[in-house]
Amino acid sequence: MKASTKINCIMCFVAIIVIACLASVEGSGGPCGKSTPDNEAMKLAPCASAAQDEKAAVPDGCCAQVKVIGQNPSCLCAVMLSNTAKSFGADPKIALTIPKRCNFAHRPIGYKCGPYTLP
């Protein structure tokens, strides 16, 4: 009887650890970590005109935010394709040219972003 109680306690302990690990993985979020692509897109409000017109100048504030978000290409992609970016009137094909237009030397060239590729 003591052995079965000990085994039950060990199994409960293991189950608690597994549940805690799964919760921490789930809490890490999607492509943008704990933030959502829509929340990150709000930080790119200075990019609105540059994301609509390929010939528009890209503001310094936009480049600064894109540089931060662009450290994670999957997040940048999710942000550029987000509903919030679309509500700003962003054209994903044009928006994805912003890192190049900001002259970032270390940008994710060739990264597949949905049907688009980062230039």
PDB file of N, CA and C in Angstrom:
ATOM      1  N   MET A   1       0.814  -1.198   0.000  1.00  0.00           N
ATOM      2  CA  MET A   1       0.000   0.000   0.000  1.00  0.00           C
ATOM      3  C   MET A   1       0.860   1.266   0.000  1.00  0.00           C
ATOM      4  N   LYS A   2       1.926   1.267   0.763  1.00  0.00           N
ATOM      5  CA  LYS A   2       2.795   2.432   0.815  1.00  0.00           C
ATOM      6  C   LYS A   2       3.439   2.693  -0.545  1.00  0.00           C
ATOM      7  N   ALA A   3       3.820   1.629  -1.245  1.00  0.00           N
ATOM      8  CA  ALA A   3       4.451   1.788  -2.557  1.00  0.00           C
ATOM      9  C   ALA A   3       3.486   2.439  -3.546  1.00  0.00           C
ATOM     10  N   SER A   4       2.221   2.040  -3.517  1.00  0.00           N
ATOM     11  CA  SER A   4       1.259   2.607  -4.465  1.00  0.00           C
ATOM     12  C   SER A   4       0.974   4.072  -4.137  1.00  0.00           C
ATOM     13  N   THR A   5       0.963   4.446  -2.873  1.00  0.00           N
ATOM     14  CA  THR A   5       0.778   5.837  -2.485  1.00  0.00           C
ATOM     15  C   THR A   5       1.967   6.669  -2.959  1.00  0.00           C
ATOM     16  N   LYS A   6       3.158   6.110  -2.808  1.00  0.00           N
ATOM     17  CA  LYS A   6       4.370   6.805  -3.239  1.00  0.00           C
ATOM     18  C   LYS A   6       4.357   7.012  -4.761  1.00  0.00           C
ATOM     19  N   ILE A   7       3.950   5.989  -5.490  1.00  0.00           N
ATOM     20  CA  ILE A   7       3.871   6.085  -6.950  1.00  0.00           C
ATOM     21  C   ILE A   7       2.827   7.124  -7.349  1.00  0.00           C
ATOM     22  N   ASN A   8       1.685   7.142  -6.671  1.00  0.00           N
ATOM     23  CA  ASN A   8       0.645   8.134  -6.974  1.00  0.00           C
ATOM     24  C   ASN A   8       1.159   9.557  -6.742  1.00  0.00           C
ATOM     25  N   CYS A   9       1.912   9.756  -5.649  1.00  0.00           N
ATOM     26  CA  CYS A   9       2.470  11.090  -5.360  1.00  0.00           C
ATOM     27  C   CYS A   9       3.465  11.496  -6.449  1.00  0.00           C
ATOM     28  N   ILE A  10       4.296  10.562  -6.855  1.00  0.00           N
ATOM     29  CA  ILE A  10       5.272  10.848  -7.908  1.00  0.00           C
ATOM     30  C   ILE A  10       4.556  11.176  -9.216  1.00  0.00           C
ATOM     31  N   MET A  11       3.540  10.422  -9.556  1.00  0.00           N
ATOM     32  CA  MET A  11       2.782  10.663 -10.793  1.00  0.00           C
ATOM     33  C   MET A  11       2.098  12.033 -10.749  1.00  0.00           C
ATOM     34  N   CYS A  12       1.544  12.415  -9.598  1.00  0.00           N
ATOM     35  CA  CYS A  12       0.919  13.735  -9.461  1.00  0.00           C
ATOM     36  C   CYS A  12       1.962  14.834  -9.640  1.00  0.00           C
ATOM     37  N   PHE A  13       3.132  14.640  -9.027  1.00  0.00           N
ATOM     38  CA  PHE A  13       4.209  15.611  -9.139  1.00  0.00           C
ATOM     39  C   PHE A  13       4.636  15.772 -10.598  1.00  0.00           C
ATOM     40  N   VAL A  14       4.802  14.663 -11.300  1.00  0.00           N
ATOM     41  CA  VAL A  14       5.188  14.698 -12.718  1.00  0.00           C
ATOM     42  C   VAL A  14       4.098  15.401 -13.540  1.00  0.00           C
ATOM     43  N   ALA A  15       2.835  15.111 -13.247  1.00  0.00           N
ATOM     44  CA  ALA A  15       1.735  15.742 -13.971  1.00  0.00           C
ATOM     45  C   ALA A  15       1.740  17.251 -13.767  1.00  0.00           C
ATOM     46  N   ILE A  16       2.013  17.691 -12.545  1.00  0.00           N
ATOM     47  CA  ILE A  16       2.059  19.128 -12.249  1.00  0.00           C
ATOM     48  C   ILE A  16       3.186  19.789 -13.034  1.00  0.00           C
ATOM     49  N   ILE A  17       4.339  19.137 -13.089  1.00  0.00           N
ATOM     50  CA  ILE A  17       5.481  19.686 -13.832  1.00  0.00           C
ATOM     51  C   ILE A  17       5.150  19.778 -15.317  1.00  0.00           C
ATOM     52  N   VAL A  18       4.544  18.749 -15.873  1.00  0.00           N
ATOM     53  CA  VAL A  18       4.184  18.746 -17.294  1.00  0.00           C
ATOM     54  C   VAL A  18       3.187  19.865 -17.590  1.00  0.00           C
ATOM     55  N   ILE A  19       2.193  20.023 -16.744  1.00  0.00           N
ATOM     56  CA  ILE A  19       1.189  21.074 -16.949  1.00  0.00           C
ATOM     57  C   ILE A  19       1.846  22.460 -16.868  1.00  0.00           C
ATOM     58  N   ALA A  20       2.746  22.637 -15.906  1.00  0.00           N
ATOM     59  CA  ALA A  20       3.439  23.924 -15.778  1.00  0.00           C
ATOM     60  C   ALA A  20       4.292  24.214 -17.007  1.00  0.00           C
ATOM     61  N   CYS A  21       4.970  23.193 -17.528  1.00  0.00           N
ATOM     62  CA  CYS A  21       5.796  23.387 -18.732  1.00  0.00           C
ATOM     63  C   CYS A  21       4.937  23.740 -19.932  1.00  0.00           C
ATOM     64  N   LEU A  22       3.826  23.052 -20.093  1.00  0.00           N
ATOM     65  CA  LEU A  22       2.937  23.350 -21.217  1.00  0.00           C
ATOM     66  C   LEU A  22       2.368  24.753 -21.103  1.00  0.00           C
ATOM     67  N   ALA A  23       2.043  25.186 -19.906  1.00  0.00           N
ATOM     68  CA  ALA A  23       1.502  26.531 -19.712  1.00  0.00           C
ATOM     69  C   ALA A  23       2.544  27.587 -20.054  1.00  0.00           C
ATOM     70  N   SER A  24       3.807  27.334 -19.699  1.00  0.00           N
ATOM     71  CA  SER A  24       4.834  28.330 -20.008  1.00  0.00           C
ATOM     72  C   SER A  24       5.099  28.398 -21.500  1.00  0.00           C
ATOM     73  N   VAL A  25       5.034  27.279 -22.207  1.00  0.00           N
ATOM     74  CA  VAL A  25       5.211  27.287 -23.663  1.00  0.00           C
ATOM     75  C   VAL A  25       4.041  28.003 -24.311  1.00  0.00           C
ATOM     76  N   GLU A  26       2.838  27.737 -23.840  1.00  0.00           N
ATOM     77  CA  GLU A  26       1.646  28.378 -24.395  1.00  0.00           C
ATOM     78  C   GLU A  26       1.674  29.875 -24.142  1.00  0.00           C
ATOM     79  N   GLY A  27       2.203  30.304 -22.989  1.00  0.00           N
ATOM     80  CA  GLY A  27       2.255  31.709 -22.641  1.00  0.00           C
ATOM     81  C   GLY A  27       3.303  32.483 -23.423  1.00  0.00           C
ATOM     82  N   SER A  28       4.172  31.786 -24.146  1.00  0.00           N
ATOM     83  CA  SER A  28       5.217  32.490 -24.883  1.00  0.00           C
ATOM     84  C   SER A  28       4.658  33.185 -26.116  1.00  0.00           C
ATOM     85  N   GLY A  29       3.422  32.877 -26.453  1.00  0.00           N
ATOM     86  CA  GLY A  29       2.747  33.582 -27.526  1.00  0.00           C
ATOM     87  C   GLY A  29       3.078  33.070 -28.910  1.00  0.00           C
ATOM     88  N   GLY A  30       2.746  33.898 -29.888  1.00  0.00           N
ATOM     89  CA  GLY A  30       2.953  33.536 -31.276  1.00  0.00           C
ATOM     90  C   GLY A  30       4.260  34.080 -31.807  1.00  0.00           C
ATOM     91  N   PRO A  31       4.247  34.539 -33.041  1.00  0.00           N
ATOM     92  CA  PRO A  31       5.489  34.996 -33.673  1.00  0.00           C
ATOM     93  C   PRO A  31       6.102  36.222 -33.007  1.00  0.00           C
ATOM     94  N   CYS A  32       5.316  36.959 -32.235  1.00  0.00           N
ATOM     95  CA  CYS A  32       5.825  38.165 -31.579  1.00  0.00           C
ATOM     96  C   CYS A  32       5.964  37.978 -30.068  1.00  0.00           C
ATOM     97  N   GLY A  33       6.161  36.746 -29.655  1.00  0.00           N
ATOM     98  CA  GLY A  33       6.315  36.479 -28.221  1.00  0.00           C
ATOM     99  C   GLY A  33       5.008  36.677 -27.486  1.00  0.00           C
ATOM    100  N   LYS A  34       5.059  37.411 -26.381  1.00  0.00           N
ATOM    101  CA  LYS A  34       3.862  37.607 -25.562  1.00  0.00           C
ATOM    102  C   LYS A  34       2.925  38.655 -26.145  1.00  0.00           C
ATOM    103  N   SER A  35       3.409  39.453 -27.075  1.00  0.00           N
ATOM    104  CA  SER A  35       2.577  40.462 -27.720  1.00  0.00           C
ATOM    105  C   SER A  35       1.923  39.857 -28.963  1.00  0.00           C
ATOM    106  N   THR A  36       0.888  40.521 -29.444  1.00  0.00           N
ATOM    107  CA  THR A  36       0.232  40.056 -30.670  1.00  0.00           C
ATOM    108  C   THR A  36       0.733  40.893 -31.848  1.00  0.00           C
ATOM    109  N   PRO A  37       0.656  40.350 -33.049  1.00  0.00           N
ATOM    110  CA  PRO A  37       1.032  41.145 -34.226  1.00  0.00           C
ATOM    111  C   PRO A  37       0.233  42.451 -34.321  1.00  0.00           C
ATOM    112  N   ASP A  38      -1.036  42.422 -33.938  1.00  0.00           N
ATOM    113  CA  ASP A  38      -1.845  43.642 -33.997  1.00  0.00           C
ATOM    114  C   ASP A  38      -1.332  44.691 -33.007  1.00  0.00           C
ATOM    115  N   ASN A  39      -0.923  44.266 -31.808  1.00  0.00           N
ATOM    116  CA  ASN A  39      -0.362  45.219 -30.839  1.00  0.00           C
ATOM    117  C   ASN A  39       0.957  45.792 -31.341  1.00  0.00           C
ATOM    118  N   GLU A  40       1.793  44.952 -31.939  1.00  0.00           N
ATOM    119  CA  GLU A  40       3.072  45.420 -32.478  1.00  0.00           C
ATOM    120  C   GLU A  40       2.844  46.363 -33.651  1.00  0.00           C
ATOM    121  N   ALA A  41       1.802  46.107 -34.435  1.00  0.00           N
ATOM    122  CA  ALA A  41       1.499  46.966 -35.589  1.00  0.00           C
ATOM    123  C   ALA A  41       1.150  48.384 -35.138  1.00  0.00           C
ATOM    124  N   MET A  42       0.584  48.521 -33.955  1.00  0.00           N
ATOM    125  CA  MET A  42       0.259  49.852 -33.439  1.00  0.00           C
ATOM    126  C   MET A  42       1.524  50.695 -33.286  1.00  0.00           C
ATOM    127  N   LYS A  43       2.652  50.053 -33.007  1.00  0.00           N
ATOM    128  CA  LYS A  43       3.921  50.764 -32.854  1.00  0.00           C
ATOM    129  C   LYS A  43       4.435  51.285 -34.201  1.00  0.00           C
ATOM    130  N   LEU A  44       3.868  50.753 -35.282  1.00  0.00           N
ATOM    131  CA  LEU A  44       4.318  51.137 -36.621  1.00  0.00           C
ATOM    132  C   LEU A  44       3.442  52.212 -37.257  1.00  0.00           C
ATOM    133  N   ALA A  45       2.680  52.919 -36.440  1.00  0.00           N
ATOM    134  CA  ALA A  45       1.838  54.007 -36.971  1.00  0.00           C
ATOM    135  C   ALA A  45       2.650  55.019 -37.784  1.00  0.00           C
ATOM    136  N   PRO A  46       3.912  55.334 -37.391  1.00  0.00           N
ATOM    137  CA  PRO A  46       4.683  56.281 -38.211  1.00  0.00           C
ATOM    138  C   PRO A  46       4.976  55.756 -39.619  1.00  0.00           C
ATOM    139  N   CYS A  47       4.743  54.478 -39.837  1.00  0.00           N
ATOM    140  CA  CYS A  47       5.043  53.870 -41.143  1.00  0.00           C
ATOM    141  C   CYS A  47       3.849  53.899 -42.094  1.00  0.00           C
ATOM    142  N   ALA A  48       2.723  54.427 -41.654  1.00  0.00           N
ATOM    143  CA  ALA A  48       1.487  54.318 -42.442  1.00  0.00           C
ATOM    144  C   ALA A  48       1.649  54.799 -43.881  1.00  0.00           C
ATOM    145  N   SER A  49       2.178  55.986 -44.081  1.00  0.00           N
ATOM    146  CA  SER A  49       2.284  56.492 -45.460  1.00  0.00           C
ATOM    147  C   SER A  49       3.326  55.703 -46.260  1.00  0.00           C
ATOM    148  N   ALA A  50       4.415  55.303 -45.623  1.00  0.00           N
ATOM    149  CA  ALA A  50       5.452  54.528 -46.318  1.00  0.00           C
ATOM    150  C   ALA A  50       4.960  53.126 -46.671  1.00  0.00           C
ATOM    151  N   ALA A  51       3.966  52.630 -45.946  1.00  0.00           N
ATOM    152  CA  ALA A  51       3.423  51.302 -46.219  1.00  0.00           C
ATOM    153  C   ALA A  51       2.337  51.341 -47.294  1.00  0.00           C
ATOM    154  N   GLN A  52       1.969  52.558 -47.723  1.00  0.00           N
ATOM    155  CA  GLN A  52       0.960  52.717 -48.764  1.00  0.00           C
ATOM    156  C   GLN A  52       1.556  53.130 -50.097  1.00  0.00           C
ATOM    157  N   ASP A  53       2.710  53.791 -50.038  1.00  0.00           N
ATOM    158  CA  ASP A  53       3.318  54.356 -51.237  1.00  0.00           C
ATOM    159  C   ASP A  53       4.812  54.063 -51.226  1.00  0.00           C
ATOM    160  N   GLU A  54       5.264  53.286 -52.193  1.00  0.00           N
ATOM    161  CA  GLU A  54       6.669  52.874 -52.253  1.00  0.00           C
ATOM    162  C   GLU A  54       7.616  54.059 -52.467  1.00  0.00           C
ATOM    163  N   LYS A  55       7.081  55.154 -52.965  1.00  0.00           N
ATOM    164  CA  LYS A  55       7.916  56.329 -53.221  1.00  0.00           C
ATOM    165  C   LYS A  55       7.933  57.305 -52.037  1.00  0.00           C
ATOM    166  N   ALA A  56       7.089  57.059 -51.052  1.00  0.00           N
ATOM    167  CA  ALA A  56       7.035  57.943 -49.882  1.00  0.00           C
ATOM    168  C   ALA A  56       8.288  57.762 -49.034  1.00  0.00           C
ATOM    169  N   ALA A  57       8.745  58.852 -48.446  1.00  0.00           N
ATOM    170  CA  ALA A  57       9.902  58.786 -47.544  1.00  0.00           C
ATOM    171  C   ALA A  57       9.518  57.975 -46.307  1.00  0.00           C
ATOM    172  N   VAL A  58      10.478  57.217 -45.806  1.00  0.00           N
ATOM    173  CA  VAL A  58      10.245  56.418 -44.605  1.00  0.00           C
ATOM    174  C   VAL A  58      10.764  57.228 -43.410  1.00  0.00           C
ATOM    175  N   PRO A  59       9.873  57.626 -42.494  1.00  0.00           N
ATOM    176  CA  PRO A  59      10.306  58.420 -41.342  1.00  0.00           C
ATOM    177  C   PRO A  59      11.294  57.661 -40.449  1.00  0.00           C
ATOM    178  N   ASP A  60      12.164  58.422 -39.784  1.00  0.00           N
ATOM    179  CA  ASP A  60      13.145  57.810 -38.883  1.00  0.00           C
ATOM    180  C   ASP A  60      12.478  56.983 -37.787  1.00  0.00           C
ATOM    181  N   GLY A  61      11.351  57.482 -37.260  1.00  0.00           N
ATOM    182  CA  GLY A  61      10.622  56.745 -36.216  1.00  0.00           C
ATOM    183  C   GLY A  61      10.130  55.403 -36.712  1.00  0.00           C
ATOM    184  N   CYS A  62       9.750  55.363 -37.957  1.00  0.00           N
ATOM    185  CA  CYS A  62       9.313  54.108 -38.574  1.00  0.00           C
ATOM    186  C   CYS A  62      10.489  53.142 -38.663  1.00  0.00           C
ATOM    187  N   CYS A  63      11.603  53.624 -39.175  1.00  0.00           N
ATOM    188  CA  CYS A  63      12.785  52.762 -39.319  1.00  0.00           C
ATOM    189  C   CYS A  63      13.229  52.214 -37.969  1.00  0.00           C
ATOM    190  N   ALA A  64      13.167  53.053 -36.937  1.00  0.00           N
ATOM    191  CA  ALA A  64      13.587  52.612 -35.607  1.00  0.00           C
ATOM    192  C   ALA A  64      12.701  51.471 -35.114  1.00  0.00           C
ATOM    193  N   GLN A  65      11.391  51.585 -35.301  1.00  0.00           N
ATOM    194  CA  GLN A  65      10.472  50.529 -34.851  1.00  0.00           C
ATOM    195  C   GLN A  65      10.612  49.269 -35.694  1.00  0.00           C
ATOM    196  N   VAL A  66      10.768  49.447 -36.998  1.00  0.00           N
ATOM    197  CA  VAL A  66      10.927  48.285 -37.884  1.00  0.00           C
ATOM    198  C   VAL A  66      12.223  47.542 -37.545  1.00  0.00           C
ATOM    199  N   LYS A  67      13.255  48.278 -37.180  1.00  0.00           N
ATOM    200  CA  LYS A  67      14.526  47.648 -36.821  1.00  0.00           C
ATOM    201  C   LYS A  67      14.358  46.756 -35.595  1.00  0.00           C
ATOM    202  N   VAL A  68      13.606  47.231 -34.618  1.00  0.00           N
ATOM    203  CA  VAL A  68      13.368  46.443 -33.400  1.00  0.00           C
ATOM    204  C   VAL A  68      12.528  45.207 -33.726  1.00  0.00           C
ATOM    205  N   ILE A  69      11.399  45.417 -34.376  1.00  0.00           N
ATOM    206  CA  ILE A  69      10.500  44.297 -34.691  1.00  0.00           C
ATOM    207  C   ILE A  69      11.160  43.351 -35.687  1.00  0.00           C
ATOM    208  N   GLY A  70      11.952  43.895 -36.603  1.00  0.00           N
ATOM    209  CA  GLY A  70      12.594  43.095 -37.640  1.00  0.00           C
ATOM    210  C   GLY A  70      13.674  42.160 -37.132  1.00  0.00           C
ATOM    211  N   GLN A  71      14.062  42.280 -35.862  1.00  0.00           N
ATOM    212  CA  GLN A  71      15.010  41.325 -35.294  1.00  0.00           C
ATOM    213  C   GLN A  71      14.403  39.929 -35.259  1.00  0.00           C
ATOM    214  N   ASN A  72      13.079  39.880 -35.329  1.00  0.00           N
ATOM    215  CA  ASN A  72      12.353  38.617 -35.404  1.00  0.00           C
ATOM    216  C   ASN A  72      11.553  38.638 -36.709  1.00  0.00           C
ATOM    217  N   PRO A  73      12.120  38.084 -37.798  1.00  0.00           N
ATOM    218  CA  PRO A  73      11.444  38.176 -39.103  1.00  0.00           C
ATOM    219  C   PRO A  73      10.028  37.615 -39.110  1.00  0.00           C
ATOM    220  N   SER A  74       9.757  36.568 -38.341  1.00  0.00           N
ATOM    221  CA  SER A  74       8.397  36.020 -38.345  1.00  0.00           C
ATOM    222  C   SER A  74       7.421  36.997 -37.700  1.00  0.00           C
ATOM    223  N   CYS A  75       7.882  37.764 -36.710  1.00  0.00           N
ATOM    224  CA  CYS A  75       7.031  38.789 -36.101  1.00  0.00           C
ATOM    225  C   CYS A  75       6.807  39.927 -37.093  1.00  0.00           C
ATOM    226  N   LEU A  76       7.878  40.382 -37.727  1.00  0.00           N
ATOM    227  CA  LEU A  76       7.750  41.462 -38.707  1.00  0.00           C
ATOM    228  C   LEU A  76       6.754  41.079 -39.796  1.00  0.00           C
ATOM    229  N   CYS A  77       6.854  39.869 -40.258  1.00  0.00           N
ATOM    230  CA  CYS A  77       5.944  39.378 -41.288  1.00  0.00           C
ATOM    231  C   CYS A  77       4.500  39.391 -40.773  1.00  0.00           C
ATOM    232  N   ALA A  78       4.300  38.858 -39.580  1.00  0.00           N
ATOM    233  CA  ALA A  78       2.950  38.806 -39.003  1.00  0.00           C
ATOM    234  C   ALA A  78       2.388  40.208 -38.804  1.00  0.00           C
ATOM    235  N   VAL A  79       3.247  41.142 -38.406  1.00  0.00           N
ATOM    236  CA  VAL A  79       2.813  42.526 -38.198  1.00  0.00           C
ATOM    237  C   VAL A  79       2.405  43.157 -39.526  1.00  0.00           C
ATOM    238  N   MET A  80       3.223  42.986 -40.545  1.00  0.00           N
ATOM    239  CA  MET A  80       2.942  43.598 -41.847  1.00  0.00           C
ATOM    240  C   MET A  80       1.670  43.028 -42.492  1.00  0.00           C
ATOM    241  N   LEU A  81       1.319  41.797 -42.122  1.00  0.00           N
ATOM    242  CA  LEU A  81       0.121  41.174 -42.675  1.00  0.00           C
ATOM    243  C   LEU A  81      -1.074  41.244 -41.717  1.00  0.00           C
ATOM    244  N   SER A  82      -0.908  41.927 -40.583  1.00  0.00           N
ATOM    245  CA  SER A  82      -1.953  41.956 -39.550  1.00  0.00           C
ATOM    246  C   SER A  82      -3.160  42.792 -39.970  1.00  0.00           C
ATOM    247  N   ASN A  83      -4.261  42.545 -39.279  1.00  0.00           N
ATOM    248  CA  ASN A  83      -5.477  43.322 -39.526  1.00  0.00           C
ATOM    249  C   ASN A  83      -5.267  44.794 -39.192  1.00  0.00           C
ATOM    250  N   THR A  84      -4.471  45.071 -38.158  1.00  0.00           N
ATOM    251  CA  THR A  84      -4.205  46.463 -37.790  1.00  0.00           C
ATOM    252  C   THR A  84      -3.451  47.180 -38.895  1.00  0.00           C
ATOM    253  N   ALA A  85      -2.435  46.515 -39.460  1.00  0.00           N
ATOM    254  CA  ALA A  85      -1.687  47.128 -40.563  1.00  0.00           C
ATOM    255  C   ALA A  85      -2.615  47.390 -41.748  1.00  0.00           C
ATOM    256  N   LYS A  86      -3.483  46.447 -42.020  1.00  0.00           N
ATOM    257  CA  LYS A  86      -4.442  46.626 -43.119  1.00  0.00           C
ATOM    258  C   LYS A  86      -5.380  47.790 -42.825  1.00  0.00           C
ATOM    259  N   SER A  87      -5.785  47.950 -41.553  1.00  0.00           N
ATOM    260  CA  SER A  87      -6.698  49.041 -41.201  1.00  0.00           C
ATOM    261  C   SER A  87      -6.013  50.404 -41.349  1.00  0.00           C
ATOM    262  N   PHE A  88      -4.668  50.443 -41.250  1.00  0.00           N
ATOM    263  CA  PHE A  88      -3.910  51.670 -41.512  1.00  0.00           C
ATOM    264  C   PHE A  88      -3.818  51.940 -43.009  1.00  0.00           C
ATOM    265  N   GLY A  89      -4.273  50.986 -43.823  1.00  0.00           N
ATOM    266  CA  GLY A  89      -4.196  51.129 -45.266  1.00  0.00           C
ATOM    267  C   GLY A  89      -2.905  50.605 -45.853  1.00  0.00           C
ATOM    268  N   ALA A  90      -2.166  49.829 -45.064  1.00  0.00           N
ATOM    269  CA  ALA A  90      -0.880  49.293 -45.531  1.00  0.00           C
ATOM    270  C   ALA A  90      -1.102  48.267 -46.633  1.00  0.00           C
ATOM    271  N   ASP A  91      -0.299  48.352 -47.659  1.00  0.00           N
ATOM    272  CA  ASP A  91      -0.252  47.349 -48.719  1.00  0.00           C
ATOM    273  C   ASP A  91       0.907  46.429 -48.339  1.00  0.00           C
ATOM    274  N   PRO A  92       0.629  45.156 -48.026  1.00  0.00           N
ATOM    275  CA  PRO A  92       1.698  44.264 -47.555  1.00  0.00           C
ATOM    276  C   PRO A  92       2.911  44.226 -48.482  1.00  0.00           C
ATOM    277  N   LYS A  93       2.669  44.231 -49.767  1.00  0.00           N
ATOM    278  CA  LYS A  93       3.783  44.173 -50.720  1.00  0.00           C
ATOM    279  C   LYS A  93       4.679  45.404 -50.576  1.00  0.00           C
ATOM    280  N   ILE A  94       4.086  46.566 -50.362  1.00  0.00           N
ATOM    281  CA  ILE A  94       4.847  47.803 -50.186  1.00  0.00           C
ATOM    282  C   ILE A  94       5.443  47.856 -48.774  1.00  0.00           C
ATOM    283  N   ALA A  95       4.655  47.474 -47.772  1.00  0.00           N
ATOM    284  CA  ALA A  95       5.129  47.506 -46.385  1.00  0.00           C
ATOM    285  C   ALA A  95       6.389  46.667 -46.212  1.00  0.00           C
ATOM    286  N   LEU A  96       6.458  45.547 -46.885  1.00  0.00           N
ATOM    287  CA  LEU A  96       7.616  44.662 -46.747  1.00  0.00           C
ATOM    288  C   LEU A  96       8.879  45.231 -47.386  1.00  0.00           C
ATOM    289  N   THR A  97       8.743  46.342 -48.125  1.00  0.00           N
ATOM    290  CA  THR A  97       9.935  46.993 -48.683  1.00  0.00           C
ATOM    291  C   THR A  97      10.561  47.984 -47.700  1.00  0.00           C
ATOM    292  N   ILE A  98       9.888  48.258 -46.603  1.00  0.00           N
ATOM    293  CA  ILE A  98      10.378  49.266 -45.658  1.00  0.00           C
ATOM    294  C   ILE A  98      11.765  48.935 -45.105  1.00  0.00           C
ATOM    295  N   PRO A  99      12.061  47.707 -44.676  1.00  0.00           N
ATOM    296  CA  PRO A  99      13.430  47.450 -44.182  1.00  0.00           C
ATOM    297  C   PRO A  99      14.500  47.792 -45.220  1.00  0.00           C
ATOM    298  N   LYS A 100      14.235  47.505 -46.486  1.00  0.00           N
ATOM    299  CA  LYS A 100      15.196  47.838 -47.542  1.00  0.00           C
ATOM    300  C   LYS A 100      15.279  49.344 -47.706  1.00  0.00           C
ATOM    301  N   ARG A 101      14.128  50.020 -47.674  1.00  0.00           N
ATOM    302  CA  ARG A 101      14.096  51.466 -47.836  1.00  0.00           C
ATOM    303  C   ARG A 101      14.730  52.195 -46.653  1.00  0.00           C
ATOM    304  N   CYS A 102      14.811  51.515 -45.502  1.00  0.00           N
ATOM    305  CA  CYS A 102      15.504  52.081 -44.336  1.00  0.00           C
ATOM    306  C   CYS A 102      17.004  51.805 -44.409  1.00  0.00           C
ATOM    307  N   ASN A 103      17.421  51.129 -45.469  1.00  0.00           N
ATOM    308  CA  ASN A 103      18.846  50.803 -45.684  1.00  0.00           C
ATOM    309  C   ASN A 103      19.448  49.941 -44.580  1.00  0.00           C
ATOM    310  N   PHE A 104      18.673  48.966 -44.083  1.00  0.00           N
ATOM    311  CA  PHE A 104      19.197  48.050 -43.073  1.00  0.00           C
ATOM    312  C   PHE A 104      20.131  47.064 -43.751  1.00  0.00           C
ATOM    313  N   ALA A 105      21.352  47.021 -43.300  1.00  0.00           N
ATOM    314  CA  ALA A 105      22.332  46.094 -43.874  1.00  0.00           C
ATOM    315  C   ALA A 105      21.984  44.647 -43.514  1.00  0.00           C
ATOM    316  N   HIS A 106      21.467  44.454 -42.310  1.00  0.00           N
ATOM    317  CA  HIS A 106      21.162  43.098 -41.839  1.00  0.00           C
ATOM    318  C   HIS A 106      19.655  42.911 -41.769  1.00  0.00           C
ATOM    319  N   ARG A 107      19.058  42.756 -42.909  1.00  0.00           N
ATOM    320  CA  ARG A 107      17.617  42.520 -42.974  1.00  0.00           C
ATOM    321  C   ARG A 107      17.397  41.105 -43.521  1.00  0.00           C
ATOM    322  N   PRO A 108      16.232  40.545 -43.257  1.00  0.00           N
ATOM    323  CA  PRO A 108      15.970  39.164 -43.682  1.00  0.00           C
ATOM    324  C   PRO A 108      15.636  39.054 -45.172  1.00  0.00           C
ATOM    325  N   ILE A 109      16.605  39.303 -46.033  1.00  0.00           N
ATOM    326  CA  ILE A 109      16.396  39.254 -47.485  1.00  0.00           C
ATOM    327  C   ILE A 109      15.954  37.851 -47.884  1.00  0.00           C
ATOM    328  N   GLY A 110      14.906  37.769 -48.669  1.00  0.00           N
ATOM    329  CA  GLY A 110      14.424  36.490 -49.167  1.00  0.00           C
ATOM    330  C   GLY A 110      13.512  35.748 -48.209  1.00  0.00           C
ATOM    331  N   TYR A 111      13.222  36.333 -47.028  1.00  0.00           N
ATOM    332  CA  TYR A 111      12.346  35.683 -46.057  1.00  0.00           C
ATOM    333  C   TYR A 111      10.929  35.618 -46.628  1.00  0.00           C
ATOM    334  N   LYS A 112      10.333  34.440 -46.619  1.00  0.00           N
ATOM    335  CA  LYS A 112       8.976  34.254 -47.148  1.00  0.00           C
ATOM    336  C   LYS A 112       7.977  34.762 -46.124  1.00  0.00           C
ATOM    337  N   CYS A 113       7.139  35.645 -46.574  1.00  0.00           N
ATOM    338  CA  CYS A 113       6.128  36.263 -45.710  1.00  0.00           C
ATOM    339  C   CYS A 113       4.781  36.082 -46.396  1.00  0.00           C
ATOM    340  N   GLY A 114       4.119  34.986 -46.081  1.00  0.00           N
ATOM    341  CA  GLY A 114       2.881  34.669 -46.786  1.00  0.00           C
ATOM    342  C   GLY A 114       3.197  34.519 -48.256  1.00  0.00           C
ATOM    343  N   PRO A 115       2.449  35.180 -49.131  1.00  0.00           N
ATOM    344  CA  PRO A 115       2.720  35.074 -50.567  1.00  0.00           C
ATOM    345  C   PRO A 115       3.835  36.012 -51.030  1.00  0.00           C
ATOM    346  N   TYR A 116       4.431  36.758 -50.106  1.00  0.00           N
ATOM    347  CA  TYR A 116       5.441  37.760 -50.445  1.00  0.00           C
ATOM    348  C   TYR A 116       6.827  37.312 -49.982  1.00  0.00           C
ATOM    349  N   THR A 117       7.853  37.940 -50.544  1.00  0.00           N
ATOM    350  CA  THR A 117       9.236  37.695 -50.145  1.00  0.00           C
ATOM    351  C   THR A 117       9.860  39.039 -49.806  1.00  0.00           C
ATOM    352  N   LEU A 118      10.548  39.090 -48.671  1.00  0.00           N
ATOM    353  CA  LEU A 118      11.200  40.348 -48.292  1.00  0.00           C
ATOM    354  C   LEU A 118      12.340  40.644 -49.253  1.00  0.00           C
ATOM    355  N   PRO A 119      12.358  41.877 -49.794  1.00  0.00           N
ATOM    356  CA  PRO A 119      13.426  42.245 -50.730  1.00  0.00           C
ATOM    357  C   PRO A 119      14.726  42.587 -50.000  1.00  0.00           C
TER     358      PRO A 119
END
